[in-house]
């Protein structure tokens, strides 16, 4: 049998994918779905040992969009696999992977007060008392003194592994095990990657302030959410990635 991990990038989903429900339907009808069979192969299952597959949508802000329960009748066991699904139409586009008010991240990561205050200026949760800013509602990191920029960078660098894990994998029983990226560009193609590889791919690298005044953690962009017609939700901190970049791992 061909190694499915070596052919993911070239596989095309002929029927197309509209949303997560299409993924769920394929998994629940895996015997009739060539794509679902390949996904199960990638996850390490022998199709001959599978009695049934039950896929359900998980809601409530978890990193996992779909939980796949696979029953292997030969071992009389049930194994659960949690998939985080990203449907993208632009191979160069960015996808939000996490957004919250600063205080939520303070609770998660024990952010010190000094860094918290700087992040609130960055998102506009605290209105800056500085003239001549690009946007009077907030401060870009490049508009802050260098010592303050360094405080923000140092915090994210010291906590890089924890932060990357929380925003990509999540915590608890619905933490993601896999990321499935489906790209609509001249047909449909997909890649399915184990979440630790995903975290290494996006999270490894330097932490630094970008020329545009946002923050980068490896291949992850950290910025003010913005939009939302100026509502308070625009003042959230947002983490973004380009999911389509994961196709690079198929060529490794």
Protein backbone atom coordinates (compact mmCIF):
# COMPACT_ATOMS: atom_id res chain seq x y z
CA UNK A 1 0.00 0.00 0.00
CA UNK A 2 1.19 3.52 -0.74
CA UNK A 3 2.15 5.57 2.28
CA UNK A 4 -0.79 8.02 2.56
CA UNK A 5 1.43 10.64 4.20
CA UNK A 6 3.44 10.87 0.98
CA UNK A 7 0.48 11.50 -1.28
CA UNK A 8 -1.65 13.91 0.74
CA UNK A 9 -0.55 17.03 -1.12
CA UNK A 10 -1.56 15.59 -4.48
CA UNK A 11 -4.90 14.15 -3.40
CA UNK A 12 -8.01 15.99 -4.52
CA UNK A 13 -11.44 15.76 -2.94
CA UNK A 14 -13.62 15.49 -6.01
CA UNK A 15 -16.91 16.28 -4.30
CA UNK A 16 -15.65 19.41 -2.53
CA UNK A 17 -16.01 20.54 1.05
CA UNK A 18 -18.40 23.26 2.20
CA UNK A 19 -17.86 23.07 5.96
CA UNK A 20 -17.01 20.80 8.89
CA UNK A 21 -20.26 18.90 8.38
CA UNK A 22 -18.91 17.55 5.11
CA UNK A 23 -15.91 16.16 6.98
CA UNK A 24 -18.20 14.60 9.59
CA UNK A 25 -20.39 13.00 6.93
CA UNK A 26 -17.38 11.50 5.17
CA UNK A 27 -16.03 10.05 8.39
CA UNK A 28 -19.39 8.63 9.42
CA UNK A 29 -19.65 7.02 5.96
CA UNK A 30 -15.98 6.15 5.75
CA UNK A 31 -16.50 2.90 3.85
CA UNK A 32 -17.80 4.92 0.87
CA UNK A 33 -15.34 7.81 1.23
CA UNK A 34 -11.82 7.48 -0.22
CA UNK A 35 -10.79 10.61 1.67
CA UNK A 36 -12.00 9.32 5.03
CA UNK A 37 -10.16 6.04 4.45
CA UNK A 38 -6.93 7.94 3.84
CA UNK A 39 -7.47 10.09 6.96
CA UNK A 40 -7.90 6.95 9.05
CA UNK A 41 -4.76 5.48 7.48
CA UNK A 42 -2.80 8.61 8.36
CA UNK A 43 -4.06 8.37 11.94
CA UNK A 44 -2.55 4.89 12.06
CA UNK A 45 -5.57 2.66 11.75
CA UNK A 46 -5.82 -0.58 9.81
CA UNK A 47 -9.11 -0.28 7.92
CA UNK A 48 -9.71 -4.02 8.19
CA UNK A 49 -9.86 -3.71 11.98
CA UNK A 50 -12.41 -0.90 12.10
CA UNK A 51 -15.96 -1.82 13.02
CA UNK A 52 -17.44 1.65 12.86
CA UNK A 53 -16.56 5.34 12.97
CA UNK A 54 -18.62 7.94 14.76
CA UNK A 55 -17.76 11.60 14.14
CA UNK A 56 -19.46 14.38 16.07
CA UNK A 57 -19.02 18.15 16.12
CA UNK A 58 -17.61 19.62 19.31
CA UNK A 59 -18.78 23.11 20.25
CA UNK A 60 -17.92 25.51 23.05
CA UNK A 61 -14.69 27.13 21.89
CA UNK A 62 -12.52 24.00 21.91
CA UNK A 63 -9.61 23.60 19.48
CA UNK A 64 -11.25 20.42 18.27
CA UNK A 65 -13.96 20.95 15.66
CA UNK A 66 -14.68 17.27 15.14
CA UNK A 67 -14.11 14.33 17.44
CA UNK A 68 -13.69 11.01 15.69
CA UNK A 69 -14.41 7.87 17.65
CA UNK A 70 -12.99 4.76 16.02
CA UNK A 71 -14.01 1.31 17.26
CA UNK A 72 -11.45 -1.43 16.55
CA UNK A 73 -13.34 -4.68 16.93
CA UNK A 74 -10.29 -7.02 16.98
CA UNK A 75 -8.98 -5.35 20.12
CA UNK A 76 -12.41 -4.71 21.59
CA UNK A 77 -11.29 -1.13 22.25
CA UNK A 78 -12.44 2.37 21.42
CA UNK A 79 -9.93 5.03 20.42
CA UNK A 80 -10.77 8.74 20.14
CA UNK A 81 -9.07 11.16 17.79
CA UNK A 82 -9.71 14.93 17.98
CA UNK A 83 -9.41 16.87 14.74
CA UNK A 84 -9.01 20.63 14.36
CA UNK A 85 -10.32 21.50 10.90
CA UNK A 86 -9.27 24.49 8.80
CA UNK A 87 -11.04 25.14 5.48
CA UNK A 88 -9.16 27.75 3.46
CA UNK A 89 -9.50 29.17 -0.05
CA UNK A 90 -6.26 31.17 -0.26
CA UNK A 91 -2.90 29.39 -0.04
CA UNK A 92 -1.42 32.65 1.28
CA UNK A 93 -4.32 33.57 3.57
CA UNK A 94 -4.40 33.75 7.34
CA UNK A 95 -6.76 31.99 9.70
CA UNK A 96 -7.62 32.97 13.26
CA UNK A 97 -6.72 30.22 15.72
CA UNK A 98 -7.41 31.99 19.01
CA UNK A 99 -8.82 35.29 20.29
CA UNK A 100 -9.66 36.45 23.81
CA UNK A 101 -9.72 39.49 26.03
CA UNK A 102 -6.34 40.14 27.64
CA UNK A 103 -7.62 39.16 31.09
CA UNK A 104 -8.38 35.62 29.87
CA UNK A 105 -4.76 35.22 28.78
CA UNK A 106 -3.61 36.70 32.11
CA UNK A 107 -5.49 33.89 33.86
CA UNK A 108 -4.10 31.24 31.51
CA UNK A 109 -0.46 32.34 31.47
CA UNK A 110 -0.01 34.39 34.64
CA UNK A 111 1.03 37.46 32.66
CA UNK A 112 2.69 40.04 34.94
CA UNK A 113 0.93 43.38 35.45
CA UNK A 114 3.50 45.38 33.52
CA UNK A 115 3.16 43.21 30.40
CA UNK A 116 -0.63 43.08 30.82
CA UNK A 117 -0.80 46.87 30.75
CA UNK A 118 1.31 47.00 27.59
CA UNK A 119 -0.87 44.40 25.87
CA UNK A 120 -4.00 46.39 26.77
CA UNK A 121 -2.44 49.45 25.13
CA UNK A 122 -1.63 47.28 22.11
CA UNK A 123 -5.24 46.09 21.72
CA UNK A 124 -6.82 49.41 22.70
CA UNK A 125 -8.50 47.99 25.79
CA UNK A 126 -6.66 50.85 27.50
CA UNK A 127 -6.74 54.03 25.45
CA UNK A 128 -3.24 55.50 25.11
CA UNK A 129 -2.46 59.04 26.27
CA UNK A 130 0.06 59.65 23.50
CA UNK A 131 -0.21 61.99 20.53
CA UNK A 132 0.80 61.27 16.94
CA UNK A 133 -0.10 57.58 16.92
CA UNK A 134 -1.00 55.73 13.70
CA UNK A 135 -4.33 54.89 15.34
CA UNK A 136 -5.37 57.04 18.32
CA UNK A 137 -7.36 54.12 19.75
CA UNK A 138 -4.31 51.91 20.44
CA UNK A 139 -0.53 51.63 20.27
CA UNK A 140 1.41 49.43 17.89
CA UNK A 141 4.34 47.75 19.59
CA UNK A 142 6.76 49.78 17.47
CA UNK A 143 5.25 52.93 18.97
CA UNK A 144 6.24 51.84 22.46
CA UNK A 145 9.68 52.46 23.99
CA UNK A 146 12.17 49.71 23.12
CA UNK A 147 12.40 48.60 26.76
CA UNK A 148 8.63 48.01 26.76
CA UNK A 149 8.80 46.11 23.48
CA UNK A 150 11.48 43.91 25.04
CA UNK A 151 9.28 43.18 28.07
CA UNK A 152 6.51 41.89 25.80
CA UNK A 153 8.92 39.86 23.65
CA UNK A 154 10.69 38.40 26.70
CA UNK A 155 7.42 37.23 28.25
CA UNK A 156 6.26 35.45 25.09
CA UNK A 157 9.71 33.97 24.55
CA UNK A 158 9.91 32.58 28.10
CA UNK A 159 6.43 31.05 27.75
CA UNK A 160 6.61 30.14 24.07
CA UNK A 161 5.94 26.40 24.42
CA UNK A 162 2.93 26.89 26.72
CA UNK A 163 1.43 29.63 24.56
CA UNK A 164 1.84 27.72 21.30
CA UNK A 165 0.29 24.62 22.87
CA UNK A 166 -2.69 26.51 24.25
CA UNK A 167 -3.54 28.34 21.03
CA UNK A 168 -3.06 25.38 18.67
CA UNK A 169 -3.76 22.26 20.74
CA UNK A 170 -5.84 23.52 23.64
CA UNK A 171 -6.36 21.78 26.98
CA UNK A 172 -8.50 19.01 28.44
CA UNK A 173 -10.30 16.08 26.89
CA UNK A 174 -11.05 18.01 23.69
CA UNK A 175 -7.48 19.09 23.05
CA UNK A 176 -6.69 18.62 19.36
CA UNK A 177 -4.71 15.54 18.27
CA UNK A 178 -4.61 16.41 14.57
CA UNK A 179 -5.07 19.36 12.23
CA UNK A 180 -6.87 18.75 8.95
CA UNK A 181 -6.39 21.54 6.41
CA UNK A 182 -8.63 21.54 3.33
CA UNK A 183 -7.57 23.96 0.61
CA UNK A 184 -9.92 25.07 -2.16
CA UNK A 185 -7.63 26.26 -4.93
CA UNK A 186 -7.95 24.73 -8.41
CA UNK A 187 -9.93 21.89 -6.90
CA UNK A 188 -9.68 20.63 -3.35
CA UNK A 189 -6.60 19.23 -1.65
CA UNK A 190 -5.94 18.38 1.96
CA UNK A 191 -3.25 17.57 4.48
CA UNK A 192 -3.66 15.87 7.85
CA UNK A 193 -0.89 16.43 10.40
CA UNK A 194 -0.34 15.28 13.97
CA UNK A 195 -0.74 18.22 16.35
CA UNK A 196 2.79 18.05 17.80
CA UNK A 197 4.20 18.44 14.29
CA UNK A 198 1.79 21.35 13.76
CA UNK A 199 2.98 23.05 16.96
CA UNK A 200 6.62 22.56 16.03
CA UNK A 201 6.02 23.82 12.50
CA UNK A 202 4.21 27.01 13.47
CA UNK A 203 5.70 27.64 16.90
CA UNK A 204 9.42 27.11 16.39
CA UNK A 205 11.43 30.20 15.64
CA UNK A 206 12.18 33.59 17.08
CA UNK A 207 9.78 35.87 18.96
CA UNK A 208 10.02 39.44 17.68
CA UNK A 209 8.19 42.67 16.92
CA UNK A 210 7.35 43.01 13.21
CA UNK A 211 7.95 46.09 11.09
CA UNK A 212 4.20 46.71 11.17
CA UNK A 213 4.16 46.76 14.96
CA UNK A 214 2.62 43.36 15.71
CA UNK A 215 4.25 40.34 17.37
CA UNK A 216 5.52 37.14 15.74
CA UNK A 217 6.04 33.79 17.44
CA UNK A 218 7.70 31.60 14.83
CA UNK A 219 5.09 31.50 12.03
CA UNK A 220 2.29 32.79 14.29
CA UNK A 221 1.12 36.41 14.09
CA UNK A 222 -0.18 38.11 17.24
CA UNK A 223 -2.24 41.25 16.69
CA UNK A 224 -5.24 43.29 17.76
CA UNK A 225 -8.38 41.65 16.42
CA UNK A 226 -9.93 44.85 15.05
CA UNK A 227 -13.08 45.05 12.94
CA UNK A 228 -16.44 44.23 14.56
CA UNK A 229 -17.68 47.78 13.81
CA UNK A 230 -15.60 49.12 16.67
CA UNK A 231 -17.27 47.00 19.35
CA UNK A 232 -15.31 45.91 22.44
CA UNK A 233 -14.64 42.54 20.78
CA UNK A 234 -12.30 44.40 18.39
CA UNK A 235 -9.97 44.92 21.37
CA UNK A 236 -9.24 41.23 21.77
CA UNK A 237 -5.77 39.76 21.25
CA UNK A 238 -5.76 37.54 18.17
CA UNK A 239 -3.42 34.75 17.03
CA UNK A 240 -3.29 33.86 13.32
CA UNK A 241 -1.55 31.32 11.10
CA UNK A 242 -1.54 30.38 7.43
CA UNK A 243 -2.95 26.81 7.62
CA UNK A 244 -2.02 26.09 3.99
CA UNK A 245 1.64 26.30 4.94
CA UNK A 246 1.23 22.83 6.49
CA UNK A 247 1.30 21.36 2.99
CA UNK A 248 5.06 21.89 3.16
CA UNK A 249 5.24 18.98 5.63
CA UNK A 250 3.94 16.58 2.95
CA UNK A 251 7.19 17.10 1.06
CA UNK A 252 9.43 16.27 4.03
